[in-house]
PDB file of all heavy atoms in Angstrom:
ATOM      1  N   ALA A   1       2.836-110.233 -44.599  1.00  0.00           N
ATOM      2  CA  ALA A   1       2.853-111.498 -43.973  1.00  0.00           C
ATOM      3  C   ALA A   1       4.228-111.821 -43.442  1.00  0.00           C
ATOM      4  O   ALA A   1       5.189-111.354 -43.973  1.00  0.00           O
ATOM      5  CB  ALA A   1       2.379-112.588 -44.919  1.00  0.00           C
ATOM      6  N   GLU A   2       4.317-112.648 -42.410  1.00  0.00           N
ATOM      7  CA  GLU A   2       5.589-113.103 -41.951  1.00  0.00           C
ATOM      8  C   GLU A   2       5.580-114.623 -42.055  1.00  0.00           C
ATOM      9  O   GLU A   2       4.671-115.264 -41.683  1.00  0.00           O
ATOM     10  CB  GLU A   2       5.845-112.712 -40.477  1.00  0.00           C
ATOM     11  CG  GLU A   2       7.168-113.096 -40.044  1.00  0.00           C
ATOM     12  CD  GLU A   2       7.774-112.267 -38.944  1.00  0.00           C
ATOM     13  OE1 GLU A   2       7.498-111.052 -38.847  1.00  0.00           O
ATOM     14  OE2 GLU A   2       8.505-112.850 -38.118  1.00  0.00           O
ATOM     15  N   CYS A   3       6.694-115.128 -42.592  1.00  0.00           N
ATOM     16  CA  CYS A   3       6.867-116.548 -42.786  1.00  0.00           C
ATOM     17  C   CYS A   3       8.177-116.985 -42.128  1.00  0.00           C
ATOM     18  O   CYS A   3       9.164-116.237 -42.236  1.00  0.00           O
ATOM     19  CB  CYS A   3       6.932-116.852 -44.302  1.00  0.00           C
ATOM     20  SG  CYS A   3       7.260-118.615 -44.635  1.00  0.00           S
ATOM     21  N   ARG A   4       8.129-118.060 -41.457  1.00  0.00           N
ATOM     22  CA  ARG A   4       9.271-118.569 -40.722  1.00  0.00           C
ATOM     23  C   ARG A   4       9.345-120.079 -40.796  1.00  0.00           C
ATOM     24  O   ARG A   4       8.403-120.767 -40.376  1.00  0.00           O
ATOM     25  CB  ARG A   4       9.183-118.119 -39.328  1.00  0.00           C
ATOM     26  CG  ARG A   4      10.306-118.498 -38.430  1.00  0.00           C
ATOM     27  CD  ARG A   4      10.194-117.861 -37.074  1.00  0.00           C
ATOM     28  NE  ARG A   4      10.899-118.712 -36.103  1.00  0.00           N
ATOM     29  CZ  ARG A   4      10.447-119.104 -35.004  1.00  0.00           C
ATOM     30  NH1 ARG A   4       9.273-118.737 -34.564  1.00  0.00           N
ATOM     31  NH2 ARG A   4      11.158-119.900 -34.200  1.00  0.00           N
ATOM     32  N   VAL A   5      10.421-120.631 -41.267  1.00  0.00           N
ATOM     33  CA  VAL A   5      10.685-122.085 -41.161  1.00  0.00           C
ATOM     34  C   VAL A   5      11.358-122.329 -39.781  1.00  0.00           C
ATOM     35  O   VAL A   5      12.351-121.744 -39.453  1.00  0.00           O
ATOM     36  CB  VAL A   5      11.658-122.537 -42.281  1.00  0.00           C
ATOM     37  CG1 VAL A   5      12.034-124.012 -42.062  1.00  0.00           C
ATOM     38  CG2 VAL A   5      10.982-122.392 -43.655  1.00  0.00           C
ATOM     39  N   TRP A   6      10.665-123.153 -38.970  1.00  0.00           N
ATOM     40  CA  TRP A   6      11.151-123.321 -37.622  1.00  0.00           C
ATOM     41  C   TRP A   6      11.619-124.735 -37.295  1.00  0.00           C
ATOM     42  O   TRP A   6      12.199-124.932 -36.199  1.00  0.00           O
ATOM     43  CB  TRP A   6      10.068-122.888 -36.592  1.00  0.00           C
ATOM     44  CG  TRP A   6       8.714-123.400 -36.770  1.00  0.00           C
ATOM     45  CD1 TRP A   6       7.630-122.864 -37.416  1.00  0.00           C
ATOM     46  CD2 TRP A   6       8.226-124.599 -36.152  1.00  0.00           C
ATOM     47  NE1 TRP A   6       6.549-123.667 -37.262  1.00  0.00           N
ATOM     48  CE2 TRP A   6       6.882-124.748 -36.545  1.00  0.00           C
ATOM     49  CE3 TRP A   6       8.744-125.547 -35.348  1.00  0.00           C
ATOM     50  CZ2 TRP A   6       6.064-125.801 -36.110  1.00  0.00           C
ATOM     51  CZ3 TRP A   6       8.008-126.704 -34.939  1.00  0.00           C
ATOM     52  CH2 TRP A   6       6.608-126.778 -35.316  1.00  0.00           C
ATOM     53  N   ALA A   7      11.407-125.686 -38.135  1.00  0.00           N
ATOM     54  CA  ALA A   7      12.008-127.017 -37.907  1.00  0.00           C
ATOM     55  C   ALA A   7      12.109-127.705 -39.219  1.00  0.00           C
ATOM     56  O   ALA A   7      11.267-127.583 -40.116  1.00  0.00           O
ATOM     57  CB  ALA A   7      11.138-127.811 -36.947  1.00  0.00           C
ATOM     58  N   VAL A   8      13.192-128.494 -39.421  1.00  0.00           N
ATOM     59  CA  VAL A   8      13.403-129.326 -40.601  1.00  0.00           C
ATOM     60  C   VAL A   8      13.895-130.695 -40.151  1.00  0.00           C
ATOM     61  O   VAL A   8      14.769-130.780 -39.315  1.00  0.00           O
ATOM     62  CB  VAL A   8      14.437-128.669 -41.535  1.00  0.00           C
ATOM     63  CG1 VAL A   8      14.772-129.560 -42.719  1.00  0.00           C
ATOM     64  CG2 VAL A   8      14.067-127.267 -41.966  1.00  0.00           C
ATOM     65  N   GLU A   9      13.264-131.733 -40.680  1.00  0.00           N
ATOM     66  CA  GLU A   9      13.665-133.071 -40.376  1.00  0.00           C
ATOM     67  C   GLU A   9      14.084-133.812 -41.665  1.00  0.00           C
ATOM     68  O   GLU A   9      13.332-133.715 -42.695  1.00  0.00           O
ATOM     69  CB  GLU A   9      12.534-133.864 -39.737  1.00  0.00           C
ATOM     70  CG  GLU A   9      12.085-133.286 -38.415  1.00  0.00           C
ATOM     71  CD  GLU A   9      10.811-133.972 -37.861  1.00  0.00           C
ATOM     72  OE1 GLU A   9      10.308-134.916 -38.494  1.00  0.00           O
ATOM     73  OE2 GLU A   9      10.413-133.526 -36.818  1.00  0.00           O
ATOM     74  N   ASP A  10      15.231-134.399 -41.673  1.00  0.00           N
ATOM     75  CA  ASP A  10      15.637-135.237 -42.792  1.00  0.00           C
ATOM     76  C   ASP A  10      14.986-136.588 -42.722  1.00  0.00           C
ATOM     77  O   ASP A  10      15.191-137.356 -41.807  1.00  0.00           O
ATOM     78  CB  ASP A  10      17.180-135.376 -42.771  1.00  0.00           C
ATOM     79  CG  ASP A  10      17.723-136.170 -43.927  1.00  0.00           C
ATOM     80  OD1 ASP A  10      16.984-136.862 -44.618  1.00  0.00           O
ATOM     81  OD2 ASP A  10      18.939-136.058 -44.210  1.00  0.00           O
ATOM     82  N   THR A  11      14.113-136.874 -43.697  1.00  0.00           N
ATOM     83  CA  THR A  11      13.404-138.177 -43.707  1.00  0.00           C
ATOM     84  C   THR A  11      13.851-138.986 -44.866  1.00  0.00           C
ATOM     85  O   THR A  11      13.043-139.842 -45.380  1.00  0.00           O
ATOM     86  CB  THR A  11      11.883-137.945 -43.721  1.00  0.00           C
ATOM     87  OG1 THR A  11      11.576-137.139 -44.872  1.00  0.00           O
ATOM     88  CG2 THR A  11      11.419-137.208 -42.450  1.00  0.00           C
ATOM     89  N   SER A  12      15.043-138.815 -45.340  1.00  0.00           N
ATOM     90  CA  SER A  12      15.571-139.533 -46.486  1.00  0.00           C
ATOM     91  C   SER A  12      15.503-141.061 -46.277  1.00  0.00           C
ATOM     92  O   SER A  12      15.729-141.519 -45.143  1.00  0.00           O
ATOM     93  CB  SER A  12      17.014-139.132 -46.793  1.00  0.00           C
ATOM     94  OG  SER A  12      17.080-137.813 -47.157  1.00  0.00           O
ATOM     95  N   ALA A  13      15.144-141.814 -47.330  1.00  0.00           N
ATOM     96  CA  ALA A  13      15.067-143.240 -47.221  1.00  0.00           C
ATOM     97  C   ALA A  13      15.224-143.800 -48.629  1.00  0.00           C
ATOM     98  O   ALA A  13      14.820-143.218 -49.636  1.00  0.00           O
ATOM     99  CB  ALA A  13      13.688-143.631 -46.627  1.00  0.00           C
ATOM    100  N   GLY A  14      15.726-145.025 -48.705  1.00  0.00           N
ATOM    101  CA  GLY A  14      15.820-145.757 -49.933  1.00  0.00           C
ATOM    102  C   GLY A  14      16.544-145.015 -51.009  1.00  0.00           C
ATOM    103  O   GLY A  14      16.160-145.128 -52.175  1.00  0.00           O
ATOM    104  N   GLY A  15      17.532-144.239 -50.662  1.00  0.00           N
ATOM    105  CA  GLY A  15      18.318-143.502 -51.672  1.00  0.00           C
ATOM    106  C   GLY A  15      17.586-142.266 -52.177  1.00  0.00           C
ATOM    107  O   GLY A  15      18.107-141.568 -53.025  1.00  0.00           O
ATOM    108  N   GLN A  16      16.426-141.930 -51.606  1.00  0.00           N
ATOM    109  CA  GLN A  16      15.719-140.713 -51.968  1.00  0.00           C
ATOM    110  C   GLN A  16      15.929-139.622 -50.915  1.00  0.00           C
ATOM    111  O   GLN A  16      15.854-139.855 -49.756  1.00  0.00           O
ATOM    112  CB  GLN A  16      14.240-140.985 -52.104  1.00  0.00           C
ATOM    113  CG  GLN A  16      13.909-141.995 -53.218  1.00  0.00           C
ATOM    114  CD  GLN A  16      12.502-142.489 -53.123  1.00  0.00           C
ATOM    115  OE1 GLN A  16      11.790-142.317 -52.152  1.00  0.00           O
ATOM    116  NE2 GLN A  16      12.019-143.120 -54.187  1.00  0.00           N
ATOM    117  N   ARG A  17      16.215-138.434 -51.441  1.00  0.00           N
ATOM    118  CA  ARG A  17      16.367-137.288 -50.549  1.00  0.00           C
ATOM    119  C   ARG A  17      15.050-136.686 -50.158  1.00  0.00           C
ATOM    120  O   ARG A  17      14.299-136.251 -51.039  1.00  0.00           O
ATOM    121  CB  ARG A  17      17.274-136.221 -51.201  1.00  0.00           C
ATOM    122  CG  ARG A  17      18.657-136.759 -51.397  1.00  0.00           C
ATOM    123  CD  ARG A  17      19.571-135.648 -51.827  1.00  0.00           C
ATOM    124  NE  ARG A  17      19.351-134.520 -50.976  1.00  0.00           N
ATOM    125  CZ  ARG A  17      20.252-133.657 -50.559  1.00  0.00           C
ATOM    126  NH1 ARG A  17      21.481-133.742 -51.021  1.00  0.00           N
ATOM    127  NH2 ARG A  17      19.958-132.628 -49.797  1.00  0.00           N
ATOM    128  N   ARG A  18      14.678-136.718 -48.877  1.00  0.00           N
ATOM    129  CA  ARG A  18      13.383-136.276 -48.403  1.00  0.00           C
ATOM    130  C   ARG A  18      13.514-135.347 -47.225  1.00  0.00           C
ATOM    131  O   ARG A  18      14.438-135.517 -46.380  1.00  0.00           O
ATOM    132  CB  ARG A  18      12.512-137.444 -48.014  1.00  0.00           C
ATOM    133  CG  ARG A  18      12.217-138.410 -49.102  1.00  0.00           C
ATOM    134  CD  ARG A  18      11.396-139.518 -48.661  1.00  0.00           C
ATOM    135  NE  ARG A  18      11.219-140.602 -49.590  1.00  0.00           N
ATOM    136  CZ  ARG A  18      10.536-141.697 -49.361  1.00  0.00           C
ATOM    137  NH1 ARG A  18       9.913-141.897 -48.253  1.00  0.00           N
ATOM    138  NH2 ARG A  18      10.518-142.606 -50.311  1.00  0.00           N
ATOM    139  N   GLU A  19      12.602-134.417 -47.028  1.00  0.00           N
ATOM    140  CA  GLU A  19      12.508-133.549 -45.871  1.00  0.00           C
ATOM    141  C   GLU A  19      11.111-133.378 -45.448  1.00  0.00           C
ATOM    142  O   GLU A  19      10.165-133.467 -46.207  1.00  0.00           O
ATOM    143  CB  GLU A  19      13.082-132.152 -46.162  1.00  0.00           C
ATOM    144  CG  GLU A  19      14.527-131.995 -46.114  1.00  0.00           C
ATOM    145  CD  GLU A  19      14.993-130.539 -46.281  1.00  0.00           C
ATOM    146  OE1 GLU A  19      14.172-129.667 -46.536  1.00  0.00           O
ATOM    147  OE2 GLU A  19      16.210-130.313 -46.135  1.00  0.00           O
ATOM    148  N   ARG A  20      11.025-133.120 -44.076  1.00  0.00           N
ATOM    149  CA  ARG A  20       9.719-132.727 -43.511  1.00  0.00           C
ATOM    150  C   ARG A  20      10.000-131.352 -42.938  1.00  0.00           C
ATOM    151  O   ARG A  20      10.950-131.200 -42.122  1.00  0.00           O
ATOM    152  CB  ARG A  20       9.319-133.730 -42.420  1.00  0.00           C
ATOM    153  CG  ARG A  20       7.960-133.400 -41.828  1.00  0.00           C
ATOM    154  CD  ARG A  20       7.553-134.443 -40.782  1.00  0.00           C
ATOM    155  NE  ARG A  20       7.402-135.735 -41.506  1.00  0.00           N
ATOM    156  CZ  ARG A  20       7.775-136.876 -41.006  1.00  0.00           C
ATOM    157  NH1 ARG A  20       8.409-136.959 -39.822  1.00  0.00           N
ATOM    158  NH2 ARG A  20       7.610-137.990 -41.665  1.00  0.00           N
ATOM    159  N   VAL A  21       9.254-130.304 -43.314  1.00  0.00           N
ATOM    160  CA  VAL A  21       9.546-128.937 -42.957  1.00  0.00           C
ATOM    161  C   VAL A  21       8.315-128.381 -42.188  1.00  0.00           C
ATOM    162  O   VAL A  21       7.159-128.601 -42.642  1.00  0.00           O
ATOM    163  CB  VAL A  21       9.801-128.118 -44.257  1.00  0.00           C
ATOM    164  CG1 VAL A  21       9.962-126.601 -43.908  1.00  0.00           C
ATOM    165  CG2 VAL A  21      10.986-128.623 -44.938  1.00  0.00           C
ATOM    166  N   PHE A  22       8.593-127.662 -41.145  1.00  0.00           N
ATOM    167  CA  PHE A  22       7.550-126.960 -40.347  1.00  0.00           C
ATOM    168  C   PHE A  22       7.805-125.478 -40.452  1.00  0.00           C
ATOM    169  O   PHE A  22       8.911-125.029 -40.143  1.00  0.00           O
ATOM    170  CB  PHE A  22       7.587-127.439 -38.936  1.00  0.00           C
ATOM    171  CG  PHE A  22       7.246-128.915 -38.834  1.00  0.00           C
ATOM    172  CD1 PHE A  22       8.190-129.877 -38.946  1.00  0.00           C
ATOM    173  CD2 PHE A  22       5.974-129.364 -38.534  1.00  0.00           C
ATOM    174  CE1 PHE A  22       7.916-131.230 -38.879  1.00  0.00           C
ATOM    175  CE2 PHE A  22       5.624-130.678 -38.465  1.00  0.00           C
ATOM    176  CZ  PHE A  22       6.567-131.595 -38.635  1.00  0.00           C
ATOM    177  N   ALA A  23       6.777-124.803 -40.939  1.00  0.00           N
ATOM    178  CA  ALA A  23       6.891-123.352 -41.060  1.00  0.00           C
ATOM    179  C   ALA A  23       5.649-122.691 -40.510  1.00  0.00           C
ATOM    180  O   ALA A  23       4.604-123.358 -40.390  1.00  0.00           O
ATOM    181  CB  ALA A  23       7.046-123.000 -42.541  1.00  0.00           C
ATOM    182  N   SER A  24       5.741-121.434 -40.232  1.00  0.00           N
ATOM    183  CA  SER A  24       4.546-120.717 -39.765  1.00  0.00           C
ATOM    184  C   SER A  24       4.326-119.459 -40.593  1.00  0.00           C
ATOM    185  O   SER A  24       5.332-118.876 -41.143  1.00  0.00           O
ATOM    186  CB  SER A  24       4.646-120.335 -38.270  1.00  0.00           C
ATOM    187  OG  SER A  24       5.700-119.462 -38.065  1.00  0.00           O
TER     188      SER A  24
END
């Protein structure tokens, strides 16, 4: 299998560290 993370968005809010990750 091939895996690739192709986009990452920092969605941090209210002092919480958050991410939205797009991978294929």
